[in-house]
């Protein structure tokens, strides 16, 4: 197989996540793509915060608003004011997809919790962007963003300043586990479509002592290399500086830092929009159309550069376990239903058979007709929003850091050809889909590491 395929490249965009991490430089915003991929194995760090986390169990523990407030209050006592500002944020209800109205449940002004905002970013004061359960938004830069979503200054900020949405994690044991050798693994989940109402572990299990086991070492997992592509003679020249051994170490280290950050700060930030500016400087802003036709390695490098000159943060492509955590958070806050995730995401995604209106690049409200395909600008339709995160259910396909398979392995998708099975990274189901049974947010797909085939 040639290193550079000339086959038609499918529309791909990197969706990013900011995770607040601890490093020698302070707080790191580990930007993670909302597209599939895998990141590192590592040993558990920052164990002192474990005692404040909810117990891991088969049945998920649902915390009350008061318990969540106390949880964040306890964590905030150890935050460093030289790296983050501690902001009191209303808990609120979920943010509906087609407006900025926030449900009344839990909307009492007195019900607030502490949330970390890294220095160099500002907390949104825009109605509909200022509650935890509705999707708390931060903007890059120190200038305040206030007013109504229709105010011109707010519209300008959305198009020019990178934006992130806070995803709380009240039980870190739901997103990672440790095997008997002390190595960390991301916990991936599936959402069965028939006769089920809750997610199930995907390719992992835990024994009575809590030791995690990956069921198949060649199926979906993270962090890990995809050895067929992540090798010295394949890594793209000039796009990827690391050699295989360095890449493996980087993935492991970044995963450990991610988990340590979530333990310390109680959550992470995910990119509000699909990543744009892919032919130049990457950005996470509204109304960007430069969002496709990039290989995985390019996106991996651009994700790391999204932090700019901010020494308090780090940015990275998103882990699969954090994609799944975001999906579950949408269900927990009732912004989405289980069926929205497992059965069909068509009602809030850009799907072939669905029609809706959106704002084009000229600022005009136009119609995307049903039974047609068109790639729309980022964040251009409020219909396709849940908790202030746009286009997660469909526009272009998103990649994450999950790994699947190896160069000579057919375990992930036996129906694929040998050529298609060459080294894989994870591709999430965010592209325009034509069949209802394929229209689900959690569906995993495979992509070739170097290029993405149609």
Protein backbone atom coordinates (compact mmCIF):
# COMPACT_ATOMS: atom_id res chain seq x y z
CA UNK A 1 0.00 0.00 0.00
CA UNK A 2 1.42 3.38 -0.95
CA UNK A 3 2.14 5.83 1.80
CA UNK A 4 -0.03 8.49 0.15
CA UNK A 5 -3.26 7.16 -1.29
CA UNK A 6 -4.83 8.99 -4.21
CA UNK A 7 -8.30 7.74 -3.36
CA UNK A 8 -11.00 10.24 -2.66
CA UNK A 9 -10.63 11.66 0.83
CA UNK A 10 -13.76 11.82 2.96
CA UNK A 11 -14.69 15.00 4.83
CA UNK A 12 -12.99 14.91 8.22
CA UNK A 13 -12.62 17.51 10.92
CA UNK A 14 -10.84 17.52 14.22
CA UNK A 15 -13.06 18.24 17.17
CA UNK A 16 -11.14 19.42 20.16
CA UNK A 17 -11.30 19.23 23.89
CA UNK A 18 -9.52 21.32 26.49
CA UNK A 19 -8.50 19.42 29.58
CA UNK A 20 -7.01 21.31 32.48
CA UNK A 21 -3.82 19.54 33.48
CA UNK A 22 -1.08 19.92 36.02
CA UNK A 23 2.45 20.36 34.73
CA UNK A 24 5.68 22.07 35.67
CA UNK A 25 4.32 25.08 33.82
CA UNK A 26 1.04 25.09 35.69
CA UNK A 27 -2.38 24.45 34.22
CA UNK A 28 -2.63 22.75 30.83
CA UNK A 29 -5.64 22.82 28.56
CA UNK A 30 -5.24 19.44 26.90
CA UNK A 31 -7.18 19.95 23.73
CA UNK A 32 -8.67 16.67 22.61
CA UNK A 33 -10.33 16.14 19.27
CA UNK A 34 -13.93 15.09 19.16
CA UNK A 35 -12.73 12.57 16.62
CA UNK A 36 -11.68 9.06 17.41
CA UNK A 37 -8.18 8.20 18.47
CA UNK A 38 -6.15 6.68 21.24
CA UNK A 39 -3.91 8.10 23.90
CA UNK A 40 -1.65 6.78 26.51
CA UNK A 41 -1.32 4.00 29.05
CA UNK A 42 0.14 5.16 32.31
CA UNK A 43 0.31 4.60 36.04
CA UNK A 44 -2.15 6.28 38.35
CA UNK A 45 -1.05 9.67 39.60
CA UNK A 46 -2.40 12.20 42.06
CA UNK A 47 -3.97 9.46 44.18
CA UNK A 48 -4.70 11.86 47.02
CA UNK A 49 -7.75 13.15 45.22
CA UNK A 50 -9.26 9.67 44.85
CA UNK A 51 -10.88 9.86 48.28
CA UNK A 52 -13.06 12.73 47.07
CA UNK A 53 -14.35 10.82 44.06
CA UNK A 54 -17.56 8.83 43.95
CA UNK A 55 -17.17 5.07 44.32
CA UNK A 56 -16.96 3.11 41.09
CA UNK A 57 -19.67 0.49 40.73
CA UNK A 58 -21.77 -1.24 38.12
CA UNK A 59 -24.65 1.09 38.89
CA UNK A 60 -23.75 4.72 38.36
CA UNK A 61 -24.10 6.91 41.41
CA UNK A 62 -26.16 10.02 40.70
CA UNK A 63 -25.11 12.96 42.84
CA UNK A 64 -27.51 15.63 44.04
CA UNK A 65 -26.84 19.30 43.30
CA UNK A 66 -25.63 19.75 46.87
CA UNK A 67 -23.22 16.83 46.58
CA UNK A 68 -21.86 18.23 43.33
CA UNK A 69 -21.37 21.63 44.96
CA UNK A 70 -19.50 20.07 47.87
CA UNK A 71 -17.40 17.96 45.52
CA UNK A 72 -16.22 21.01 43.54
CA UNK A 73 -15.82 23.06 46.71
CA UNK A 74 -13.40 20.47 48.10
CA UNK A 75 -11.42 20.30 44.88
CA UNK A 76 -11.19 24.09 44.55
CA UNK A 77 -9.32 24.38 47.85
CA UNK A 78 -6.22 23.00 46.11
CA UNK A 79 -6.39 25.02 42.90
CA UNK A 80 -3.50 27.38 42.17
CA UNK A 81 -4.58 30.99 41.62
CA UNK A 82 -1.52 31.52 39.43
CA UNK A 83 -2.93 29.14 36.84
CA UNK A 84 -6.72 29.25 37.20
CA UNK A 85 -9.43 31.60 38.33
CA UNK A 86 -12.11 30.00 40.52
CA UNK A 87 -15.49 31.08 39.17
CA UNK A 88 -18.91 30.62 40.80
CA UNK A 89 -21.17 29.25 38.05
CA UNK A 90 -24.91 28.62 38.25
CA UNK A 91 -25.80 24.94 38.08
CA UNK A 92 -28.91 25.58 35.99
CA UNK A 93 -30.75 23.19 33.70
CA UNK A 94 -29.85 21.90 30.25
CA UNK A 95 -29.47 24.19 27.24
CA UNK A 96 -32.00 23.23 24.57
CA UNK A 97 -30.79 22.65 21.05
CA UNK A 98 -32.84 25.23 19.15
CA UNK A 99 -32.66 28.20 21.51
CA UNK A 100 -30.63 29.68 24.31
CA UNK A 101 -33.37 29.11 26.84
CA UNK A 102 -32.33 27.18 29.91
CA UNK A 103 -34.71 24.85 31.69
CA UNK A 104 -35.95 26.00 35.09
CA UNK A 105 -34.82 22.90 36.98
CA UNK A 106 -32.01 23.84 39.36
CA UNK A 107 -31.97 27.43 38.10
CA UNK A 108 -32.02 29.04 41.54
CA UNK A 109 -29.44 31.83 41.64
CA UNK A 110 -28.18 30.45 44.95
CA UNK A 111 -27.36 27.08 43.38
CA UNK A 112 -23.85 27.62 42.11
CA UNK A 113 -20.68 25.58 42.01
CA UNK A 114 -17.04 26.43 41.60
CA UNK A 115 -15.50 25.85 38.18
CA UNK A 116 -11.86 26.43 37.15
CA UNK A 117 -11.20 28.90 34.33
CA UNK A 118 -7.56 28.89 33.18
CA UNK A 119 -5.74 32.20 33.03
CA UNK A 120 -5.86 33.58 29.51
CA UNK A 121 -9.54 32.63 29.14
CA UNK A 122 -12.69 34.39 30.28
CA UNK A 123 -15.98 33.02 31.56
CA UNK A 124 -18.94 33.79 29.32
CA UNK A 125 -21.57 36.12 30.74
CA UNK A 126 -23.92 35.55 27.82
CA UNK A 127 -27.39 34.26 28.64
CA UNK A 128 -27.49 30.52 27.90
CA UNK A 129 -23.72 30.12 28.20
CA UNK A 130 -23.37 30.63 31.94
CA UNK A 131 -24.66 27.45 33.62
CA UNK A 132 -22.91 24.14 34.27
CA UNK A 133 -25.78 21.88 33.18
CA UNK A 134 -26.50 24.05 30.15
CA UNK A 135 -22.90 24.07 28.93
CA UNK A 136 -20.63 26.65 30.60
CA UNK A 137 -18.57 28.41 27.91
CA UNK A 138 -15.16 30.07 28.11
CA UNK A 139 -13.59 32.31 25.48
CA UNK A 140 -9.90 32.62 24.72
CA UNK A 141 -8.57 36.00 25.75
CA UNK A 142 -9.19 38.32 28.69
CA UNK A 143 -11.95 40.53 27.25
CA UNK A 144 -15.37 39.92 28.79
CA UNK A 145 -18.19 38.55 26.63
CA UNK A 146 -21.54 39.81 27.91
CA UNK A 147 -25.08 40.40 26.73
CA UNK A 148 -27.51 38.45 24.60
CA UNK A 149 -26.49 35.91 21.98
CA UNK A 150 -27.86 38.22 19.29
CA UNK A 151 -25.72 41.21 20.36
CA UNK A 152 -23.14 42.16 17.75
CA UNK A 153 -20.22 41.94 20.19
CA UNK A 154 -21.24 38.39 21.10
CA UNK A 155 -21.63 37.40 17.46
CA UNK A 156 -18.16 38.76 16.73
CA UNK A 157 -16.60 36.92 19.68
CA UNK A 158 -18.10 33.62 18.54
CA UNK A 159 -16.50 34.00 15.12
CA UNK A 160 -13.09 35.23 16.25
CA UNK A 161 -12.24 33.72 19.65
CA UNK A 162 -11.65 30.03 20.42
CA UNK A 163 -14.38 28.66 22.68
CA UNK A 164 -14.68 25.67 25.01
CA UNK A 165 -17.45 24.03 27.02
CA UNK A 166 -16.97 22.63 30.54
CA UNK A 167 -17.81 18.92 30.95
CA UNK A 168 -17.90 17.95 34.67
CA UNK A 169 -16.63 14.56 35.78
CA UNK A 170 -17.86 13.66 39.26
CA UNK A 171 -16.51 10.09 39.18
CA UNK A 172 -13.16 9.73 37.43
CA UNK A 173 -13.38 5.95 37.81
CA UNK A 174 -15.98 5.97 35.03
CA UNK A 175 -13.44 7.15 32.46
CA UNK A 176 -10.33 5.11 33.25
CA UNK A 177 -9.11 1.99 35.01
CA UNK A 178 -5.83 0.40 36.04
CA UNK A 179 -4.74 -3.11 35.14
CA UNK A 180 -2.89 -5.56 37.41
CA UNK A 181 0.44 -4.12 36.24
CA UNK A 182 -0.53 -0.59 37.24
CA UNK A 183 -1.09 0.73 33.73
CA UNK A 184 -3.98 3.07 32.96
CA UNK A 185 -6.55 2.48 30.23
CA UNK A 186 -9.42 4.59 29.00
CA UNK A 187 -12.87 3.13 29.58
CA UNK A 188 -14.85 3.05 26.33
CA UNK A 189 -18.59 2.42 26.21
CA UNK A 190 -21.25 1.28 23.78
CA UNK A 191 -24.95 2.12 23.77
CA UNK A 192 -26.94 -0.95 22.65
CA UNK A 193 -29.82 -0.07 20.37
CA UNK A 194 -32.34 -2.77 21.18
CA UNK A 195 -34.01 -3.26 24.56
CA UNK A 196 -31.44 -1.29 26.56
CA UNK A 197 -31.48 1.99 28.43
CA UNK A 198 -27.91 2.36 29.65
CA UNK A 199 -24.40 2.06 28.26
CA UNK A 200 -22.16 -0.98 28.62
CA UNK A 201 -18.37 -1.43 28.82
CA UNK A 202 -16.81 -1.77 25.38
CA UNK A 203 -13.83 -4.13 25.14
CA UNK A 204 -12.97 -4.05 28.86
CA UNK A 205 -13.97 -5.52 32.20
CA UNK A 206 -12.99 -5.24 35.86
CA UNK A 207 -12.56 -7.99 38.41
CA UNK A 208 -13.77 -8.00 42.03
CA UNK A 209 -10.65 -6.13 43.08
CA UNK A 210 -11.15 -3.40 40.48
CA UNK A 211 -8.32 -4.50 38.18
CA UNK A 212 -9.16 -3.60 34.57
CA UNK A 213 -8.62 -5.98 31.64
CA UNK A 214 -8.75 -5.11 27.94
CA UNK A 215 -10.78 -7.92 26.38
CA UNK A 216 -9.05 -7.83 22.99
CA UNK A 217 -5.67 -6.07 22.62
CA UNK A 218 -6.37 -5.49 18.93
CA UNK A 219 -9.90 -4.13 19.31
CA UNK A 220 -10.77 -0.56 20.31
CA UNK A 221 -8.56 0.63 23.19
CA UNK A 222 -6.57 3.57 24.50
CA UNK A 223 -3.95 4.70 24.89
CA UNK A 224 -2.01 2.67 22.38
CA UNK A 225 -0.15 2.77 19.09
CA UNK A 226 -1.51 1.43 15.84
CA UNK A 227 1.71 -0.24 14.90
CA UNK A 228 0.98 -0.62 11.20
CA UNK A 229 1.04 3.16 10.78
CA UNK A 230 2.81 4.46 13.89
CA UNK A 231 6.23 3.39 12.74
CA UNK A 232 9.32 5.34 11.80
CA UNK A 233 9.10 4.58 8.07
CA UNK A 234 5.47 5.73 7.89
CA UNK A 235 5.19 8.80 10.10
CA UNK A 236 4.70 11.75 7.71
CA UNK A 237 7.81 13.81 7.14
CA UNK A 238 7.62 17.39 8.44
CA UNK A 239 4.10 16.78 9.77
CA UNK A 240 5.15 14.56 12.63
CA UNK A 241 8.45 15.08 14.39
CA UNK A 242 8.24 12.16 16.84
CA UNK A 243 9.52 8.69 16.09
CA UNK A 244 7.49 5.65 17.09
CA UNK A 245 9.04 5.25 20.53
CA UNK A 246 8.62 8.96 21.27
CA UNK A 247 5.01 8.90 20.10
CA UNK A 248 4.23 5.99 22.39
CA UNK A 249 5.79 7.79 25.36
CA UNK A 250 3.91 10.97 24.48
CA UNK A 251 0.57 9.20 24.33
CA UNK A 252 1.16 7.48 27.64
CA UNK A 253 2.30 10.68 29.32
CA UNK A 254 -0.57 12.76 27.98
CA UNK A 255 -3.16 10.26 29.13
CA UNK A 256 -1.70 10.27 32.62
CA UNK A 257 -1.70 14.08 32.65
CA UNK A 258 -5.30 14.11 31.45
CA UNK A 259 -6.49 11.86 34.25
CA UNK A 260 -4.48 13.81 36.84
CA UNK A 261 -6.02 17.04 35.58
CA UNK A 262 -9.56 15.69 35.77
CA UNK A 263 -8.92 14.44 39.29
CA UNK A 264 -7.62 17.84 40.34
CA UNK A 265 -10.20 20.05 38.61
CA UNK A 266 -13.30 17.83 38.39
CA UNK A 267 -13.78 17.93 34.64
CA UNK A 268 -12.41 19.06 31.28
CA UNK A 269 -13.19 21.48 28.45
CA UNK A 270 -14.32 20.28 25.04
CA UNK A 271 -14.19 22.35 21.86
CA UNK A 272 -17.51 24.10 21.27
CA UNK A 273 -17.26 23.66 17.49
CA UNK A 274 -15.62 21.30 15.06
CA UNK A 275 -12.06 22.41 14.54
CA UNK A 276 -11.58 24.83 11.65
CA UNK A 277 -8.69 26.61 9.96
CA UNK A 278 -7.22 23.24 9.04
CA UNK A 279 -5.28 24.47 6.01
CA UNK A 280 -3.56 27.06 8.22
CA UNK A 281 -3.80 27.90 11.91
CA UNK A 282 -6.36 25.72 13.67
CA UNK A 283 -9.23 27.43 15.49
CA UNK A 284 -12.44 26.54 17.34
CA UNK A 285 -14.84 29.26 16.23
CA UNK A 286 -18.26 29.69 14.66
CA UNK A 287 -18.86 29.89 10.90
CA UNK A 288 -15.62 28.25 9.79
CA UNK A 289 -15.69 26.16 6.62
CA UNK A 290 -12.08 24.95 6.53
CA UNK A 291 -12.96 21.77 8.44
CA UNK A 292 -12.14 18.73 6.31
CA UNK A 293 -9.73 16.65 4.23
CA UNK A 294 -6.88 16.28 6.70
CA UNK A 295 -5.00 13.18 7.76
CA UNK A 296 -4.83 12.04 11.39
CA UNK A 297 -1.23 13.07 11.95
CA UNK A 298 -1.87 16.60 10.73
CA UNK A 299 -4.80 16.92 13.11
CA UNK A 300 -2.81 15.49 16.00
CA UNK A 301 -0.13 18.15 15.55
CA UNK A 302 -2.56 21.03 14.95
CA UNK A 303 -4.49 20.09 18.09
CA UNK A 304 -1.36 20.49 20.19
CA UNK A 305 -0.72 23.94 18.70
CA UNK A 306 -4.19 25.30 19.53
CA UNK A 307 -3.04 26.58 22.91
CA UNK A 308 -1.00 29.25 21.16
CA UNK A 309 1.43 31.03 23.50
CA UNK A 310 -0.57 30.27 26.64
CA UNK A 311 1.83 28.56 29.06
CA UNK A 312 -0.97 27.68 31.47
CA UNK A 313 -2.67 25.20 29.16
CA UNK A 314 -2.05 22.31 26.82
CA UNK A 315 -4.29 21.27 23.94
CA UNK A 316 -4.78 17.84 22.39
CA UNK A 317 -7.04 15.60 20.32
CA UNK A 318 -9.80 14.11 22.44
CA UNK A 319 -9.60 10.68 24.04
CA UNK A 320 -12.38 8.21 23.27
CA UNK A 321 -13.21 7.92 26.96
CA UNK A 322 -13.83 11.67 27.10
CA UNK A 323 -16.02 11.56 24.00
CA UNK A 324 -18.06 8.88 25.78
CA UNK A 325 -18.09 10.96 28.98
CA UNK A 326 -19.44 13.95 27.05
CA UNK A 327 -22.12 11.77 25.47
CA UNK A 328 -23.20 10.48 28.89
CA UNK A 329 -23.21 14.03 30.30
CA UNK A 330 -25.70 15.06 27.60
CA UNK A 331 -27.95 12.22 28.73
CA UNK A 332 -27.46 12.96 32.44
CA UNK A 333 -28.48 16.60 31.98
CA UNK A 334 -31.44 15.54 29.78
CA UNK A 335 -30.12 17.58 26.87
CA UNK A 336 -30.28 14.32 24.90
CA UNK A 337 -32.10 11.04 25.42
CA UNK A 338 -30.60 7.56 25.37
CA UNK A 339 -32.35 7.04 22.04
CA UNK A 340 -30.74 10.24 20.66
CA UNK A 341 -27.37 8.60 21.23
CA UNK A 342 -27.98 4.89 20.63
CA UNK A 343 -30.69 4.82 17.97
CA UNK A 344 -30.71 8.01 15.93
CA UNK A 345 -29.02 11.38 16.20
CA UNK A 346 -30.69 12.62 13.03
CA UNK A 347 -32.89 15.17 14.83
CA UNK A 348 -29.83 17.18 15.88
CA UNK A 349 -27.25 16.38 13.24
CA UNK A 350 -26.53 17.08 9.60
CA UNK A 351 -27.89 13.94 7.98
CA UNK A 352 -28.61 13.24 4.35
CA UNK A 353 -32.33 12.68 4.85
CA UNK A 354 -32.87 15.60 7.24
CA UNK A 355 -33.85 19.15 6.30
CA UNK A 356 -33.19 22.25 8.42
CA UNK A 357 -32.09 25.87 8.20
CA UNK A 358 -28.60 27.23 8.85
CA UNK A 359 -26.57 30.42 8.45
CA UNK A 360 -24.27 30.33 5.43
CA UNK A 361 -20.90 32.05 5.12
CA UNK A 362 -22.61 35.23 3.83
CA UNK A 363 -24.74 35.49 6.97
CA UNK A 364 -27.93 34.43 5.19
CA UNK A 365 -30.40 31.94 6.68
CA UNK A 366 -30.78 29.23 4.06
CA UNK A 367 -32.34 25.80 3.84
CA UNK A 368 -30.54 22.47 3.81
CA UNK A 369 -33.09 20.33 2.00
CA UNK A 370 -33.87 16.77 2.99
CA UNK A 371 -32.31 13.98 0.93
CA UNK A 372 -29.34 16.14 0.08
CA UNK A 373 -25.77 16.48 1.23
CA UNK A 374 -24.06 19.73 2.13
CA UNK A 375 -21.33 20.46 4.62
CA UNK A 376 -22.37 23.45 6.71
CA UNK A 377 -20.12 25.97 8.52
CA UNK A 378 -19.31 25.24 12.15
CA UNK A 379 -22.01 26.19 14.64
CA UNK A 380 -24.28 27.53 11.91
CA UNK A 381 -27.50 25.84 13.11
CA UNK A 382 -28.80 25.99 16.68
CA UNK A 383 -30.83 22.90 15.85
CA UNK A 384 -27.58 20.93 15.88
CA UNK A 385 -26.53 22.01 19.39
CA UNK A 386 -26.67 20.25 22.74
CA UNK A 387 -25.45 22.04 25.86
CA UNK A 388 -23.62 24.59 23.71
CA UNK A 389 -21.66 21.91 21.83
CA UNK A 390 -22.37 22.13 18.10
CA UNK A 391 -22.38 19.48 15.37
CA UNK A 392 -21.41 16.59 17.64
CA UNK A 393 -24.14 14.45 16.08
CA UNK A 394 -23.17 15.07 12.49
CA UNK A 395 -21.63 17.40 9.92
CA UNK A 396 -18.22 15.99 9.13
CA UNK A 397 -16.72 12.89 10.73
CA UNK A 398 -14.78 13.42 13.95
CA UNK A 399 -11.63 11.59 15.05
CA UNK A 400 -10.38 10.70 18.52
CA UNK A 401 -7.23 9.09 19.91
CA UNK A 402 -8.68 5.59 20.20
CA UNK A 403 -6.72 2.84 18.48
CA UNK A 404 -8.09 -0.25 16.80
CA UNK A 405 -6.34 -3.14 15.10
CA UNK A 406 -2.82 -3.55 13.80
CA UNK A 407 -1.43 -3.81 10.30
CA UNK A 408 -2.21 -7.52 9.90
CA UNK A 409 -5.29 -7.74 12.09
CA UNK A 410 -8.97 -8.08 11.13
CA UNK A 411 -10.45 -8.07 14.65
CA UNK A 412 -12.04 -4.61 14.50
CA UNK A 413 -14.07 -4.91 11.33
CA UNK A 414 -13.87 -8.33 9.58
CA UNK A 415 -15.92 -7.11 6.61
CA UNK A 416 -13.30 -4.57 5.60
CA UNK A 417 -10.73 -5.33 2.94
CA UNK A 418 -7.05 -5.80 3.70
CA UNK A 419 -6.27 -2.38 2.23
CA UNK A 420 -8.92 -0.70 4.39
CA UNK A 421 -7.66 -2.47 7.50
CA UNK A 422 -4.17 -1.01 7.30
CA UNK A 423 -3.42 0.71 10.65
CA UNK A 424 -6.45 2.32 12.22
CA UNK A 425 -7.45 5.19 14.40
CA UNK A 426 -10.99 5.74 15.57
CA UNK A 427 -13.52 7.70 13.56
CA UNK A 428 -16.75 8.73 15.24
CA UNK A 429 -20.08 8.84 13.45
CA UNK A 430 -20.39 12.54 12.75
CA UNK A 431 -20.58 12.52 8.99
CA UNK A 432 -23.73 12.86 6.94
CA UNK A 433 -25.51 9.49 7.15
CA UNK A 434 -28.21 8.03 4.91
CA UNK A 435 -29.62 5.10 6.90
CA UNK A 436 -31.49 5.45 10.22
CA UNK A 437 -29.80 2.48 11.87
CA UNK A 438 -26.42 4.09 11.24
CA UNK A 439 -27.50 7.48 12.57
CA UNK A 440 -26.22 7.25 16.11
CA UNK A 441 -23.76 9.45 17.96
CA UNK A 442 -21.80 6.63 19.54
CA UNK A 443 -21.17 4.53 16.42
CA UNK A 444 -17.48 3.77 15.91
CA UNK A 445 -15.97 3.53 12.47
CA UNK A 446 -12.49 2.80 11.20
CA UNK A 447 -10.20 5.02 9.18
CA UNK A 448 -6.83 4.49 7.64
CA UNK A 449 -4.20 6.26 9.70
CA UNK A 450 -2.64 8.22 6.87
CA UNK A 451 -5.68 9.12 4.82
CA UNK A 452 -9.43 8.80 5.23
CA UNK A 453 -11.18 6.88 2.49
CA UNK A 454 -14.72 7.37 1.28
